[in-house]
């Protein structure tokens, strides 16, 4: 299981929500089976429905 906080901490170069979505897609492609939303991303462009957007990116990847 991947924790969102771990992804954020391990990748300090990610500075936007859109970049975080790409990172989430890569985590799923890399074999992660679950994504745990243990923190809210603190980026200027984080939308209100960030959980849905990240969950969709995780499960559907580039197909969305």
N, C-alpha and C. Protein backbone atom coordinates (compact mmCIF):
# COMPACT_ATOMS: atom_id res chain seq x y z
N UNK A 1 0.85 -1.18 0.00
CA UNK A 1 0.00 0.00 0.00
C UNK A 1 0.89 1.24 0.00
N UNK A 2 0.54 2.19 -0.84
CA UNK A 2 1.28 3.45 -0.89
C UNK A 2 0.53 4.51 -0.09
N UNK A 3 1.23 5.17 0.77
CA UNK A 3 0.66 6.33 1.47
C UNK A 3 0.95 7.57 0.64
N UNK A 4 -0.02 8.42 0.51
CA UNK A 4 0.17 9.65 -0.24
C UNK A 4 1.30 10.47 0.37
N UNK A 5 1.37 10.50 1.69
CA UNK A 5 2.43 11.27 2.35
C UNK A 5 3.82 10.74 1.97
N UNK A 6 3.96 9.43 1.84
CA UNK A 6 5.25 8.86 1.46
C UNK A 6 5.65 9.28 0.05
N UNK A 7 4.68 9.27 -0.87
CA UNK A 7 4.97 9.72 -2.23
C UNK A 7 5.42 11.18 -2.25
N UNK A 8 4.74 12.01 -1.47
CA UNK A 8 5.07 13.44 -1.43
C UNK A 8 6.46 13.64 -0.82
N UNK A 9 6.75 12.96 0.28
CA UNK A 9 8.04 13.11 0.95
C UNK A 9 9.18 12.60 0.08
N UNK A 10 8.97 11.48 -0.60
CA UNK A 10 10.03 10.88 -1.40
C UNK A 10 10.30 11.64 -2.70
N UNK A 11 9.41 12.56 -3.06
CA UNK A 11 9.56 13.31 -4.31
C UNK A 11 9.39 14.82 -4.07
N UNK A 12 10.39 15.44 -3.44
CA UNK A 12 10.28 16.88 -3.14
C UNK A 12 10.27 17.75 -4.40
N UNK A 13 10.65 17.17 -5.55
CA UNK A 13 10.63 17.92 -6.80
C UNK A 13 9.21 18.17 -7.31
N UNK A 14 8.25 17.42 -6.79
CA UNK A 14 6.85 17.61 -7.18
C UNK A 14 6.30 18.83 -6.45
N UNK A 15 5.86 19.81 -7.23
CA UNK A 15 5.40 21.08 -6.63
C UNK A 15 4.00 21.48 -7.05
N UNK A 16 3.34 20.66 -7.89
CA UNK A 16 1.98 20.97 -8.32
C UNK A 16 1.11 19.72 -8.20
N UNK A 17 -0.18 19.94 -8.11
CA UNK A 17 -1.11 18.83 -8.04
C UNK A 17 -1.06 17.98 -9.31
N UNK A 18 -0.92 18.63 -10.45
CA UNK A 18 -0.85 17.89 -11.71
C UNK A 18 0.37 16.97 -11.74
N UNK A 19 1.49 17.43 -11.21
CA UNK A 19 2.67 16.57 -11.13
C UNK A 19 2.44 15.42 -10.15
N UNK A 20 1.72 15.69 -9.07
CA UNK A 20 1.40 14.64 -8.11
C UNK A 20 0.52 13.57 -8.77
N UNK A 21 -0.43 13.98 -9.58
CA UNK A 21 -1.27 13.01 -10.29
C UNK A 21 -0.41 12.09 -11.16
N UNK A 22 0.57 12.65 -11.84
CA UNK A 22 1.47 11.84 -12.67
C UNK A 22 2.24 10.85 -11.81
N UNK A 23 2.67 11.30 -10.64
CA UNK A 23 3.39 10.44 -9.71
C UNK A 23 2.50 9.29 -9.22
N UNK A 24 1.24 9.58 -8.97
CA UNK A 24 0.28 8.56 -8.55
C UNK A 24 0.08 7.53 -9.66
N UNK A 25 -0.01 7.98 -10.89
CA UNK A 25 -0.14 7.07 -12.03
C UNK A 25 1.09 6.16 -12.10
N UNK A 26 2.26 6.73 -11.93
CA UNK A 26 3.50 5.94 -11.97
C UNK A 26 3.56 4.92 -10.83
N UNK A 27 3.06 5.29 -9.66
CA UNK A 27 3.04 4.35 -8.53
C UNK A 27 2.15 3.16 -8.87
N UNK A 28 1.01 3.42 -9.48
CA UNK A 28 0.11 2.33 -9.87
C UNK A 28 0.75 1.45 -10.93
N UNK A 29 1.40 2.06 -11.90
CA UNK A 29 2.07 1.29 -12.94
C UNK A 29 3.22 0.47 -12.36
N UNK A 30 3.83 0.98 -11.29
CA UNK A 30 4.95 0.29 -10.65
C UNK A 30 4.53 -0.87 -9.77
N UNK A 31 3.24 -1.13 -9.67
CA UNK A 31 2.79 -2.30 -8.93
C UNK A 31 2.05 -2.04 -7.64
N UNK A 32 1.94 -0.78 -7.23
CA UNK A 32 1.16 -0.49 -6.02
C UNK A 32 -0.29 -0.88 -6.28
N UNK A 33 -0.90 -1.50 -5.28
CA UNK A 33 -2.28 -1.96 -5.46
C UNK A 33 -3.28 -1.08 -4.74
N UNK A 34 -2.82 -0.33 -3.73
CA UNK A 34 -3.72 0.53 -2.96
C UNK A 34 -3.03 1.86 -2.71
N UNK A 35 -3.85 2.90 -2.62
CA UNK A 35 -3.35 4.24 -2.31
C UNK A 35 -4.12 4.76 -1.11
N UNK A 36 -3.41 5.08 -0.06
CA UNK A 36 -4.03 5.57 1.18
C UNK A 36 -3.86 7.08 1.26
N UNK A 37 -4.99 7.78 1.39
CA UNK A 37 -4.98 9.24 1.49
C UNK A 37 -4.82 9.64 2.95
N UNK A 38 -3.59 9.67 3.42
CA UNK A 38 -3.33 10.00 4.82
C UNK A 38 -3.07 11.48 5.05
N UNK A 39 -2.90 12.24 3.97
CA UNK A 39 -2.73 13.70 4.07
C UNK A 39 -3.42 14.35 2.87
N UNK A 40 -3.74 15.63 3.04
CA UNK A 40 -4.25 16.42 1.92
C UNK A 40 -3.05 17.10 1.26
N UNK A 41 -2.92 16.98 -0.06
CA UNK A 41 -1.81 17.65 -0.74
C UNK A 41 -1.89 19.16 -0.54
N UNK A 42 -0.77 19.76 -0.22
CA UNK A 42 -0.75 21.19 0.07
C UNK A 42 -0.11 21.96 -1.08
N UNK A 43 -0.72 21.85 -2.25
CA UNK A 43 -0.24 22.58 -3.41
C UNK A 43 -1.24 23.67 -3.76
N UNK A 44 -0.74 24.73 -4.33
CA UNK A 44 -1.59 25.86 -4.67
C UNK A 44 -2.75 25.47 -5.60
N UNK A 45 -2.50 24.50 -6.48
CA UNK A 45 -3.52 24.12 -7.47
C UNK A 45 -4.34 22.88 -7.06
N UNK A 46 -4.28 22.48 -5.78
CA UNK A 46 -5.05 21.32 -5.33
C UNK A 46 -6.54 21.65 -5.36
N UNK A 47 -7.32 20.87 -6.13
CA UNK A 47 -8.76 21.14 -6.23
C UNK A 47 -9.52 20.61 -5.01
N UNK A 48 -10.75 21.06 -4.88
CA UNK A 48 -11.58 20.60 -3.75
C UNK A 48 -11.82 19.10 -3.81
N UNK A 49 -11.98 18.57 -5.00
CA UNK A 49 -12.26 17.13 -5.16
C UNK A 49 -10.98 16.34 -5.43
N UNK A 50 -9.91 16.69 -4.74
CA UNK A 50 -8.61 16.09 -4.98
C UNK A 50 -8.60 14.58 -4.77
N UNK A 51 -9.38 14.09 -3.80
CA UNK A 51 -9.38 12.64 -3.55
C UNK A 51 -9.92 11.87 -4.75
N UNK A 52 -10.99 12.36 -5.33
CA UNK A 52 -11.57 11.70 -6.50
C UNK A 52 -10.60 11.73 -7.68
N UNK A 53 -9.96 12.87 -7.87
CA UNK A 53 -9.02 13.00 -8.98
C UNK A 53 -7.83 12.06 -8.83
N UNK A 54 -7.29 11.95 -7.62
CA UNK A 54 -6.15 11.06 -7.40
C UNK A 54 -6.57 9.59 -7.47
N UNK A 55 -7.73 9.28 -6.95
CA UNK A 55 -8.21 7.90 -7.02
C UNK A 55 -8.43 7.48 -8.47
N UNK A 56 -9.02 8.38 -9.26
CA UNK A 56 -9.24 8.11 -10.68
C UNK A 56 -7.90 7.92 -11.40
N UNK A 57 -6.94 8.78 -11.11
CA UNK A 57 -5.63 8.66 -11.74
C UNK A 57 -4.96 7.35 -11.35
N UNK A 58 -5.11 6.94 -10.10
CA UNK A 58 -4.48 5.71 -9.62
C UNK A 58 -5.06 4.49 -10.31
N UNK A 59 -6.38 4.43 -10.41
CA UNK A 59 -7.01 3.23 -10.96
C UNK A 59 -7.14 3.22 -12.48
N UNK A 60 -7.23 4.40 -13.10
CA UNK A 60 -7.41 4.46 -14.55
C UNK A 60 -6.18 4.95 -15.28
N UNK A 61 -5.24 5.55 -14.57
CA UNK A 61 -3.98 5.96 -15.16
C UNK A 61 -4.12 6.89 -16.35
N UNK A 62 -3.40 6.57 -17.40
CA UNK A 62 -3.36 7.41 -18.59
C UNK A 62 -4.64 7.34 -19.42
N UNK A 63 -5.52 6.45 -19.05
CA UNK A 63 -6.76 6.27 -19.84
C UNK A 63 -7.77 7.37 -19.56
N UNK A 64 -7.52 8.21 -18.59
CA UNK A 64 -8.47 9.27 -18.24
C UNK A 64 -8.05 10.56 -18.89
